[in-house]
C-alpha atoms as a PDB file:
ATOM      1  CA  MET A   1     202.600  35.339  69.489  1.00  0.00           C
ATOM      2  CA  ASN A   2     204.168  33.444  72.356  1.00  0.00           C
ATOM      3  CA  PRO A   3     202.672  34.525  75.721  1.00  0.00           C
ATOM      4  CA  ALA A   4     206.011  33.889  77.417  1.00  0.00           C
ATOM      5  CA  THR A   5     207.721  36.530  75.282  1.00  0.00           C
ATOM      6  CA  SER A   6     204.789  38.834  74.540  1.00  0.00           C
ATOM      7  CA  PRO A   7     204.360  42.210  76.244  1.00  0.00           C
ATOM      8  CA  GLY A   8     202.689  41.846  79.615  1.00  0.00           C
ATOM      9  CA  ILE A   9     199.293  43.301  80.469  1.00  0.00           C
ATOM     10  CA  LEU A  10     198.477  43.795  84.151  1.00  0.00           C
ATOM     11  CA  ALA A  11     194.918  44.984  84.719  1.00  0.00           C
ATOM     12  CA  GLY A  12     192.476  45.012  87.589  1.00  0.00           C
ATOM     13  CA  LEU A  13     188.970  45.835  88.792  1.00  0.00           C
ATOM     14  CA  ILE A  14     188.274  48.237  91.658  1.00  0.00           C
ATOM     15  CA  GLY A  15     184.866  47.930  93.292  1.00  0.00           C
ATOM     16  CA  ALA A  16     182.926  46.740  96.321  1.00  0.00           C
ATOM     17  CA  GLY A  17     181.691  43.170  96.709  1.00  0.00           C
ATOM     18  CA  ILE A  18     183.199  41.935  93.441  1.00  0.00           C
ATOM     19  CA  GLN A  19     184.417  38.462  94.381  1.00  0.00           C
ATOM     20  CA  ALA A  20     181.862  36.832  92.057  1.00  0.00           C
ATOM     21  CA  SER A  21     182.961  38.921  89.072  1.00  0.00           C
ATOM     22  CA  ARG A  22     183.654  37.017  85.851  1.00  0.00           C
ATOM     23  CA  THR A  23     185.708  39.894  84.474  1.00  0.00           C
ATOM     24  CA  PRO A  24     189.166  38.554  85.424  1.00  0.00           C
ATOM     25  CA  ALA A  25     188.548  35.193  83.740  1.00  0.00           C
ATOM     26  CA  LEU A  26     187.003  36.922  80.731  1.00  0.00           C
ATOM     27  CA  HIS A  27     190.034  39.151  80.163  1.00  0.00           C
ATOM     28  CA  GLU A  28     192.639  36.495  80.905  1.00  0.00           C
ATOM     29  CA  HIS A  29     190.992  33.909  78.631  1.00  0.00           C
ATOM     30  CA  GLU A  30     190.882  36.384  75.734  1.00  0.00           C
ATOM     31  CA  GLY A  31     194.440  37.438  76.521  1.00  0.00           C
ATOM     32  CA  ARG A  32     195.681  33.866  76.212  1.00  0.00           C
ATOM     33  CA  ALA A  33     193.692  33.375  73.002  1.00  0.00           C
ATOM     34  CA  SER A  34     195.328  36.535  71.630  1.00  0.00           C
ATOM     35  CA  GLY A  35     198.815  35.344  72.594  1.00  0.00           C
ATOM     36  CA  LEU A  36     199.278  37.821  75.420  1.00  0.00           C
ATOM     37  CA  ASN A  37     200.780  37.467  78.878  1.00  0.00           C
ATOM     38  CA  TYR A  38     197.678  38.904  80.507  1.00  0.00           C
ATOM     39  CA  LEU A  39     196.969  39.093  84.256  1.00  0.00           C
ATOM     40  CA  TYR A  40     193.795  40.576  85.733  1.00  0.00           C
ATOM     41  CA  ARG A  41     193.305  41.068  89.451  1.00  0.00           C
ATOM     42  CA  LEU A  42     190.389  41.990  91.730  1.00  0.00           C
ATOM     43  CA  ILE A  43     190.799  44.941  94.088  1.00  0.00           C
ATOM     44  CA  ASP A  44     187.748  44.459  96.299  1.00  0.00           C
ATOM     45  CA  LEU A  45     187.050  47.360  98.651  1.00  0.00           C
ATOM     46  CA  ASP A  46     184.942  45.157 100.907  1.00  0.00           C
ATOM     47  CA  SER A  47     187.661  42.523 101.279  1.00  0.00           C
ATOM     48  CA  LEU A  48     190.244  45.243 101.938  1.00  0.00           C
ATOM     49  CA  LYS A  49     187.886  47.001 104.394  1.00  0.00           C
ATOM     50  CA  LEU A  50     188.155  50.221 102.373  1.00  0.00           C
ATOM     51  CA  ASP A  51     185.717  52.600 100.724  1.00  0.00           C
ATOM     52  CA  SER A  52     185.902  54.961  97.765  1.00  0.00           C
ATOM     53  CA  SER A  53     187.997  57.426  99.790  1.00  0.00           C
ATOM     54  CA  ALA A  54     190.911  55.007  99.211  1.00  0.00           C
ATOM     55  CA  LEU A  55     190.811  55.464  95.420  1.00  0.00           C
ATOM     56  CA  GLU A  56     193.796  57.835  95.257  1.00  0.00           C
ATOM     57  CA  GLN A  57     195.888  55.414  97.310  1.00  0.00           C
ATOM     58  CA  LEU A  58     194.847  52.478  95.115  1.00  0.00           C
ATOM     59  CA  LEU A  59     195.548  54.355  91.881  1.00  0.00           C
ATOM     60  CA  SER A  60     199.000  55.353  93.088  1.00  0.00           C
ATOM     61  CA  ALA A  61     199.743  51.775  94.123  1.00  0.00           C
ATOM     62  CA  ALA A  62     198.611  50.471  90.731  1.00  0.00           C
ATOM     63  CA  GLU A  63     200.911  52.948  88.980  1.00  0.00           C
ATOM     64  CA  CYS A  64     203.845  51.926  91.168  1.00  0.00           C
ATOM     65  CA  MET A  65     203.211  48.241  90.424  1.00  0.00           C
ATOM     66  CA  GLY A  66     203.093  48.773  86.668  1.00  0.00           C
ATOM     67  CA  PHE A  67     199.396  48.224  86.004  1.00  0.00           C
ATOM     68  CA  THR A  68     198.384  48.820  82.401  1.00  0.00           C
ATOM     69  CA  GLY A  69     194.886  49.849  83.381  1.00  0.00           C
ATOM     70  CA  LEU A  70     191.945  49.396  85.712  1.00  0.00           C
ATOM     71  CA  ASN A  71     188.237  48.806  85.385  1.00  0.00           C
ATOM     72  CA  ILE A  72     186.078  50.716  87.849  1.00  0.00           C
ATOM     73  CA  THR A  73     182.723  49.584  89.177  1.00  0.00           C
ATOM     74  CA  PHE A  74     180.234  50.356  91.968  1.00  0.00           C
ATOM     75  CA  PRO A  75     180.606  52.604  93.942  1.00  0.00           C
ATOM     76  CA  CYS A  76     183.537  54.381  92.294  1.00  0.00           C
ATOM     77  CA  LYS A  77     182.546  55.352  88.733  1.00  0.00           C
ATOM     78  CA  GLN A  78     181.956  59.002  89.593  1.00  0.00           C
ATOM     79  CA  ALA A  79     184.165  59.292  92.675  1.00  0.00           C
ATOM     80  CA  ILE A  80     187.212  58.571  90.517  1.00  0.00           C
ATOM     81  CA  LEU A  81     186.686  61.528  88.160  1.00  0.00           C
ATOM     82  CA  PRO A  82     188.690  64.150  90.128  1.00  0.00           C
ATOM     83  CA  LEU A  83     191.650  61.769  90.354  1.00  0.00           C
ATOM     84  CA  LEU A  84     192.189  61.443  86.595  1.00  0.00           C
ATOM     85  CA  ASP A  85     194.382  63.488  84.266  1.00  0.00           C
ATOM     86  CA  GLU A  86     192.292  63.136  81.120  1.00  0.00           C
ATOM     87  CA  LEU A  87     188.847  61.956  80.068  1.00  0.00           C
ATOM     88  CA  SER A  88     187.711  60.603  76.730  1.00  0.00           C
ATOM     89  CA  ALA A  89     184.959  62.628  75.061  1.00  0.00           C
ATOM     90  CA  GLU A  90     182.400  59.946  75.937  1.00  0.00           C
ATOM     91  CA  ALA A  91     183.437  59.732  79.593  1.00  0.00           C
ATOM     92  CA  ARG A  92     183.333  63.530  79.870  1.00  0.00           C
ATOM     93  CA  GLY A  93     179.868  63.692  78.333  1.00  0.00           C
ATOM     94  CA  ILE A  94     178.468  60.899  80.507  1.00  0.00           C
ATOM     95  CA  GLY A  95     180.175  62.061  83.681  1.00  0.00           C
ATOM     96  CA  ALA A  96     181.328  58.597  84.727  1.00  0.00           C
ATOM     97  CA  VAL A  97     184.321  56.335  84.151  1.00  0.00           C
ATOM     98  CA  ASN A  98     184.537  52.553  84.178  1.00  0.00           C
ATOM     99  CA  THR A  99     187.949  52.122  82.529  1.00  0.00           C
ATOM    100  CA  VAL A 100     191.241  53.857  83.327  1.00  0.00           C
ATOM    101  CA  VAL A 101     194.293  53.482  81.120  1.00  0.00           C
ATOM    102  CA  LEU A 102     197.599  54.131  82.911  1.00  0.00           C
ATOM    103  CA  LYS A 103     200.061  55.309  80.277  1.00  0.00           C
ATOM    104  CA  ASP A 104     203.072  57.616  80.165  1.00  0.00           C
ATOM    105  CA  GLY A 105     202.473  58.782  83.707  1.00  0.00           C
ATOM    106  CA  LYS A 106     198.856  59.753  83.001  1.00  0.00           C
ATOM    107  CA  ARG A 107     195.519  58.394  84.180  1.00  0.00           C
ATOM    108  CA  ILE A 108     193.107  58.479  81.241  1.00  0.00           C
ATOM    109  CA  GLY A 109     189.435  57.767  81.935  1.00  0.00           C
ATOM    110  CA  HIS A 110     187.079  56.100  79.471  1.00  0.00           C
ATOM    111  CA  ASN A 111     183.496  54.888  79.558  1.00  0.00           C
ATOM    112  CA  THR A 112     182.791  51.566  77.836  1.00  0.00           C
ATOM    113  CA  ASP A 113     179.523  50.940  79.741  1.00  0.00           C
ATOM    114  CA  CYS A 114     177.489  53.046  77.312  1.00  0.00           C
ATOM    115  CA  LEU A 115     178.744  51.100  74.312  1.00  0.00           C
ATOM    116  CA  GLY A 116     178.325  47.832  76.195  1.00  0.00           C
ATOM    117  CA  PHE A 117     174.697  48.418  77.128  1.00  0.00           C
ATOM    118  CA  ALA A 118     173.799  49.730  73.676  1.00  0.00           C
ATOM    119  CA  GLU A 119     175.238  46.645  71.975  1.00  0.00           C
ATOM    120  CA  GLY A 120     173.350  44.310  74.293  1.00  0.00           C
ATOM    121  CA  PHE A 121     170.139  46.301  73.883  1.00  0.00           C
ATOM    122  CA  ARG A 122     170.388  46.137  70.087  1.00  0.00           C
ATOM    123  CA  ARG A 123     170.953  42.390  70.230  1.00  0.00           C
ATOM    124  CA  GLY A 124     168.407  41.471  72.885  1.00  0.00           C
ATOM    125  CA  LEU A 125     165.620  44.042  72.536  1.00  0.00           C
ATOM    126  CA  ALA A 126     166.057  45.334  69.002  1.00  0.00           C
ATOM    127  CA  ASP A 127     162.339  45.696  68.261  1.00  0.00           C
ATOM    128  CA  ALA A 128     161.227  46.700  71.754  1.00  0.00           C
ATOM    129  CA  ALA A 129     158.914  49.709  72.059  1.00  0.00           C
ATOM    130  CA  ARG A 130     160.853  52.861  72.929  1.00  0.00           C
ATOM    131  CA  GLY A 131     158.083  55.322  73.806  1.00  0.00           C
ATOM    132  CA  ASN A 132     158.297  55.699  77.598  1.00  0.00           C
ATOM    133  CA  VAL A 133     161.047  53.975  79.567  1.00  0.00           C
ATOM    134  CA  VAL A 134     161.659  53.991  83.320  1.00  0.00           C
ATOM    135  CA  GLN A 135     165.215  53.840  84.625  1.00  0.00           C
ATOM    136  CA  MET A 136     165.939  53.013  88.234  1.00  0.00           C
ATOM    137  CA  GLY A 137     169.193  54.628  89.368  1.00  0.00           C
ATOM    138  CA  ALA A 138     171.198  57.697  88.396  1.00  0.00           C
ATOM    139  CA  GLY A 139     174.696  56.684  89.473  1.00  0.00           C
ATOM    140  CA  GLY A 140     177.752  56.073  87.323  1.00  0.00           C
ATOM    141  CA  ALA A 141     176.357  53.045  85.521  1.00  0.00           C
ATOM    142  CA  GLY A 142     172.972  54.738  85.271  1.00  0.00           C
ATOM    143  CA  ALA A 143     174.479  57.744  83.514  1.00  0.00           C
ATOM    144  CA  ALA A 144     176.041  55.518  80.844  1.00  0.00           C
ATOM    145  CA  VAL A 145     172.868  53.476  80.355  1.00  0.00           C
ATOM    146  CA  ALA A 146     170.696  56.592  80.125  1.00  0.00           C
ATOM    147  CA  HIS A 147     172.913  58.006  77.373  1.00  0.00           C
ATOM    148  CA  ALA A 148     172.696  54.684  75.549  1.00  0.00           C
ATOM    149  CA  LEU A 149     168.886  54.530  75.850  1.00  0.00           C
ATOM    150  CA  LEU A 150     168.364  57.993  74.397  1.00  0.00           C
ATOM    151  CA  ALA A 151     170.908  57.308  71.656  1.00  0.00           C
ATOM    152  CA  GLU A 152     168.966  54.128  70.837  1.00  0.00           C
ATOM    153  CA  GLY A 153     165.763  56.090  70.298  1.00  0.00           C
ATOM    154  CA  VAL A 154     163.901  56.128  73.618  1.00  0.00           C
ATOM    155  CA  GLU A 155     161.412  59.002  73.356  1.00  0.00           C
ATOM    156  CA  GLN A 156     160.904  59.743  77.060  1.00  0.00           C
ATOM    157  CA  LEU A 157     163.163  58.495  79.841  1.00  0.00           C
ATOM    158  CA  PHE A 158     161.977  58.796  83.449  1.00  0.00           C
ATOM    159  CA  VAL A 159     164.850  58.603  85.942  1.00  0.00           C
ATOM    160  CA  PHE A 160     164.169  57.495  89.524  1.00  0.00           C
ATOM    161  CA  ASP A 161     166.792  57.728  92.254  1.00  0.00           C
ATOM    162  CA  LEU A 162     166.668  57.958  96.036  1.00  0.00           C
ATOM    163  CA  GLU A 163     168.935  61.025  95.729  1.00  0.00           C
ATOM    164  CA  THR A 164     166.803  63.615  93.939  1.00  0.00           C
ATOM    165  CA  ALA A 165     169.764  65.910  93.304  1.00  0.00           C
ATOM    166  CA  ARG A 166     171.650  63.109  91.565  1.00  0.00           C
ATOM    167  CA  ALA A 167     168.643  62.299  89.394  1.00  0.00           C
ATOM    168  CA  GLN A 168     168.254  65.995  88.515  1.00  0.00           C
ATOM    169  CA  ALA A 169     171.930  66.268  87.589  1.00  0.00           C
ATOM    170  CA  LEU A 170     171.637  63.279  85.243  1.00  0.00           C
ATOM    171  CA  VAL A 171     168.435  64.607  83.656  1.00  0.00           C
ATOM    172  CA  ASP A 172     170.075  67.994  83.100  1.00  0.00           C
ATOM    173  CA  ASN A 173     173.108  66.316  81.548  1.00  0.00           C
ATOM    174  CA  LEU A 174     170.946  64.213  79.228  1.00  0.00           C
ATOM    175  CA  ASN A 175     168.839  67.157  78.090  1.00  0.00           C
ATOM    176  CA  ALA A 176     172.013  69.120  77.374  1.00  0.00           C
ATOM    177  CA  HIS A 177     173.211  66.318  75.073  1.00  0.00           C
ATOM    178  CA  PHE A 178     169.944  65.215  73.452  1.00  0.00           C
ATOM    179  CA  ARG A 179     167.396  67.536  71.890  1.00  0.00           C
ATOM    180  CA  GLY A 180     163.746  67.621  72.894  1.00  0.00           C
ATOM    181  CA  ALA A 181     163.922  67.455  76.714  1.00  0.00           C
ATOM    182  CA  ARG A 182     163.474  63.696  76.521  1.00  0.00           C
ATOM    183  CA  ALA A 183     164.687  62.983  80.071  1.00  0.00           C
ATOM    184  CA  ARG A 184     162.625  63.681  83.196  1.00  0.00           C
ATOM    185  CA  ILE A 185     162.844  62.964  86.896  1.00  0.00           C
ATOM    186  CA  GLY A 186     160.373  60.293  87.950  1.00  0.00           C
ATOM    187  CA  HIS A 187     158.197  61.058  90.973  1.00  0.00           C
ATOM    188  CA  ASP A 188     155.286  58.612  91.052  1.00  0.00           C
ATOM    189  CA  LEU A 189     156.606  55.155  90.162  1.00  0.00           C
ATOM    190  CA  PRO A 190     153.236  53.314  90.007  1.00  0.00           C
ATOM    191  CA  SER A 191     151.775  55.969  87.687  1.00  0.00           C
ATOM    192  CA  VAL A 192     154.799  56.317  85.408  1.00  0.00           C
ATOM    193  CA  LEU A 193     155.412  52.579  85.215  1.00  0.00           C
ATOM    194  CA  GLY A 194     151.761  52.019  84.351  1.00  0.00           C
ATOM    195  CA  ASP A 195     152.270  53.931  81.087  1.00  0.00           C
ATOM    196  CA  ALA A 196     155.791  52.668  80.335  1.00  0.00           C
ATOM    197  CA  ASP A 197     157.018  50.343  77.607  1.00  0.00           C
ATOM    198  CA  GLY A 198     160.169  49.285  79.424  1.00  0.00           C
ATOM    199  CA  LEU A 199     162.090  49.307  82.703  1.00  0.00           C
ATOM    200  CA  VAL A 200     165.847  49.308  83.246  1.00  0.00           C
ATOM    201  CA  ASN A 201     167.528  48.698  86.603  1.00  0.00           C
ATOM    202  CA  THR A 202     170.904  50.388  87.010  1.00  0.00           C
ATOM    203  CA  THR A 203     170.914  50.347  90.820  1.00  0.00           C
ATOM    204  CA  PRO A 204     173.014  47.802  92.744  1.00  0.00           C
ATOM    205  CA  LEU A 205     169.843  46.386  94.314  1.00  0.00           C
ATOM    206  CA  GLY A 206     169.731  42.757  93.252  1.00  0.00           C
ATOM    207  CA  MET A 207     173.464  42.101  93.453  1.00  0.00           C
ATOM    208  CA  ALA A 208     174.624  39.164  95.565  1.00  0.00           C
ATOM    209  CA  LYS A 209     175.767  41.608  98.248  1.00  0.00           C
ATOM    210  CA  LEU A 210     172.559  43.695  98.036  1.00  0.00           C
ATOM    211  CA  PRO A 211     169.662  41.277  97.502  1.00  0.00           C
ATOM    212  CA  GLY A 212     166.217  42.600  96.728  1.00  0.00           C
ATOM    213  CA  THR A 213     164.457  44.389  93.890  1.00  0.00           C
ATOM    214  CA  PRO A 214     164.102  48.087  93.063  1.00  0.00           C
ATOM    215  CA  VAL A 215     160.512  47.613  91.852  1.00  0.00           C
ATOM    216  CA  PRO A 216     157.750  45.683  93.658  1.00  0.00           C
ATOM    217  CA  LYS A 217     156.449  42.755  91.641  1.00  0.00           C
ATOM    218  CA  ALA A 218     152.928  44.150  91.911  1.00  0.00           C
ATOM    219  CA  LEU A 219     153.933  47.051  89.633  1.00  0.00           C
ATOM    220  CA  LEU A 220     155.152  44.795  86.817  1.00  0.00           C
ATOM    221  CA  ARG A 221     152.918  43.589  83.962  1.00  0.00           C
ATOM    222  CA  PRO A 222     153.493  41.234  81.021  1.00  0.00           C
ATOM    223  CA  GLU A 223     153.620  44.030  78.431  1.00  0.00           C
ATOM    224  CA  LEU A 224     156.733  45.574  79.978  1.00  0.00           C
ATOM    225  CA  TRP A 225     160.215  44.704  78.800  1.00  0.00           C
ATOM    226  CA  ILE A 226     162.780  44.602  81.619  1.00  0.00           C
ATOM    227  CA  ALA A 227     166.540  45.101  81.366  1.00  0.00           C
ATOM    228  CA  GLU A 228     169.169  44.515  84.078  1.00  0.00           C
ATOM    229  CA  ILE A 229     172.818  45.495  84.183  1.00  0.00           C
ATOM    230  CA  ILE A 230     173.662  43.284  87.188  1.00  0.00           C
ATOM    231  CA  TYR A 231     175.227  39.953  86.257  1.00  0.00           C
ATOM    232  CA  PHE A 232     176.191  38.444  89.589  1.00  0.00           C
ATOM    233  CA  PRO A 233     173.773  36.908  90.035  1.00  0.00           C
ATOM    234  CA  LEU A 234     172.682  36.730  86.419  1.00  0.00           C
ATOM    235  CA  GLN A 235     169.088  36.019  87.491  1.00  0.00           C
ATOM    236  CA  THR A 236     168.158  38.851  89.832  1.00  0.00           C
ATOM    237  CA  GLU A 237     164.936  38.989  91.806  1.00  0.00           C
ATOM    238  CA  LEU A 238     163.636  41.615  89.364  1.00  0.00           C
ATOM    239  CA  LEU A 239     164.272  39.325  86.397  1.00  0.00           C
ATOM    240  CA  ARG A 240     162.702  36.347  88.172  1.00  0.00           C
ATOM    241  CA  ASP A 241     159.578  38.393  88.863  1.00  0.00           C
ATOM    242  CA  ALA A 242     159.479  39.677  85.288  1.00  0.00           C
ATOM    243  CA  ARG A 243     159.962  36.260  83.699  1.00  0.00           C
ATOM    244  CA  ALA A 244     157.263  34.752  85.895  1.00  0.00           C
ATOM    245  CA  LEU A 245     154.861  37.286  84.367  1.00  0.00           C
ATOM    246  CA  GLY A 246     156.019  36.592  80.823  1.00  0.00           C
ATOM    247  CA  CYS A 247     157.883  39.877  80.288  1.00  0.00           C
ATOM    248  CA  ARG A 248     160.625  40.135  77.682  1.00  0.00           C
ATOM    249  CA  THR A 249     163.900  40.475  79.559  1.00  0.00           C
ATOM    250  CA  LEU A 250     167.554  41.338  79.027  1.00  0.00           C
ATOM    251  CA  ASP A 251     170.035  40.229  81.665  1.00  0.00           C
ATOM    252  CA  GLY A 252     173.341  41.895  82.474  1.00  0.00           C
ATOM    253  CA  SER A 253     175.589  39.500  80.567  1.00  0.00           C
ATOM    254  CA  SER A 254     175.706  41.390  77.283  1.00  0.00           C
ATOM    255  CA  MET A 255     176.657  44.696  78.896  1.00  0.00           C
ATOM    256  CA  ALA A 256     179.309  42.932  80.990  1.00  0.00           C
ATOM    257  CA  VAL A 257     180.846  41.333  77.903  1.00  0.00           C
ATOM    258  CA  PHE A 258     180.692  44.223  75.464  1.00  0.00           C
ATOM    259  CA  GLN A 259     182.065  46.792  77.901  1.00  0.00           C
ATOM    260  CA  ALA A 260     184.895  44.310  78.518  1.00  0.00           C
ATOM    261  CA  VAL A 261     185.515  43.956  74.774  1.00  0.00           C
ATOM    262  CA  LYS A 262     186.288  47.668  74.515  1.00  0.00           C
ATOM    263  CA  ALA A 263     188.237  47.742  77.784  1.00  0.00           C
ATOM    264  CA  PHE A 264     190.401  44.856  76.540  1.00  0.00           C
ATOM    265  CA  GLU A 265     191.153  46.845  73.393  1.00  0.00           C
ATOM    266  CA  LEU A 266     192.064  49.933  75.421  1.00  0.00           C
ATOM    267  CA  PHE A 267     194.392  47.938  77.691  1.00  0.00           C
ATOM    268  CA  SER A 268     196.076  45.784  75.052  1.00  0.00           C
ATOM    269  CA  GLY A 269     195.872  47.775  71.828  1.00  0.00           C
ATOM    270  CA  LEU A 270     194.447  44.665  70.150  1.00  0.00           C
ATOM    271  CA  LYS A 271     190.908  44.126  68.872  1.00  0.00           C
ATOM    272  CA  PRO A 272     189.500  41.109  70.735  1.00  0.00           C
ATOM    273  CA  ASP A 273     187.128  38.481  69.380  1.00  0.00           C
ATOM    274  CA  ALA A 274     183.763  39.618  70.804  1.00  0.00           C
ATOM    275  CA  ALA A 275     181.985  36.374  69.884  1.00  0.00           C
ATOM    276  CA  ARG A 276     184.661  34.330  71.659  1.00  0.00           C
ATOM    277  CA  MET A 277     184.393  36.516  74.768  1.00  0.00           C
ATOM    278  CA  LEU A 278     180.603  36.176  74.806  1.00  0.00           C
ATOM    279  CA  GLU A 279     180.840  32.406  74.436  1.00  0.00           C
ATOM    280  CA  HIS A 280     183.395  32.176  77.237  1.00  0.00           C
ATOM    281  CA  PHE A 281     181.253  34.348  79.529  1.00  0.00           C
ATOM    282  CA  ASN A 282     178.240  32.111  78.930  1.00  0.00           C
ATOM    283  CA  ASN A 283     180.286  28.958  79.468  1.00  0.00           C
ATOM    284  CA  MET A 284     181.422  30.247  82.864  1.00  0.00           C
ATOM    285  CA  GLY A 285     177.785  30.254  83.973  1.00  0.00           C
ATOM    286  CA  ARG A 286     177.120  26.629  83.056  1.00  0.00           C
END
């Protein structure tokens, strides 16, 4: 297919502090390889001096400008829900959206984060112990990751969040979808982490715009496996601390790529080459 004559795809990413995102290059590179005229733009709330209250305005503008779809990231994955016309079954069950398809005058929300994390987890931590796992964060990304962890066989998931009500809402949602009351709110991090097999960070703490770590290094130990969903930077403070101790780790690259694989398919109607997208993502970091 000749890109000059192929149907055009105009997509974008709405989020805060996203200038370092590799998503535009990832989509556009795969678009060219697939013979598409594919443009992907950043809509950075920080650069525009906006917050999530501007989502309705941004969605309307995207519709007027002929956008095919939008990816949604921190802090908008749950705030966008009331502004959509339809939700996929997965997005409805998780209660968060990271991909919106704009089609036939409708805004249709999907969640590809759950699939993305699960694929990366299976590839990077396939044989990791799944008895007790601690998850930091209960926001939009956290909801998707928590669903993926329980679907991948985690026996007990302890959810920690600064907003207790948000953590409780996620735990209630998980226990409504998975039998056995396998999700609990975490209260005493040192105690719970001391008995855990793994730790997953789904908070924004560790991003370039929010440096730091959600867990003090003193609470980590070599037997823990540690997973991150942040990928800019790819080596967060949490991962540096974990690797210095000899922990098995999973960085945020696989989730970033495999959620993008599904989003690309939703936007374009074509099945992308996941291996090519993963290779391109890794090459961008060299």
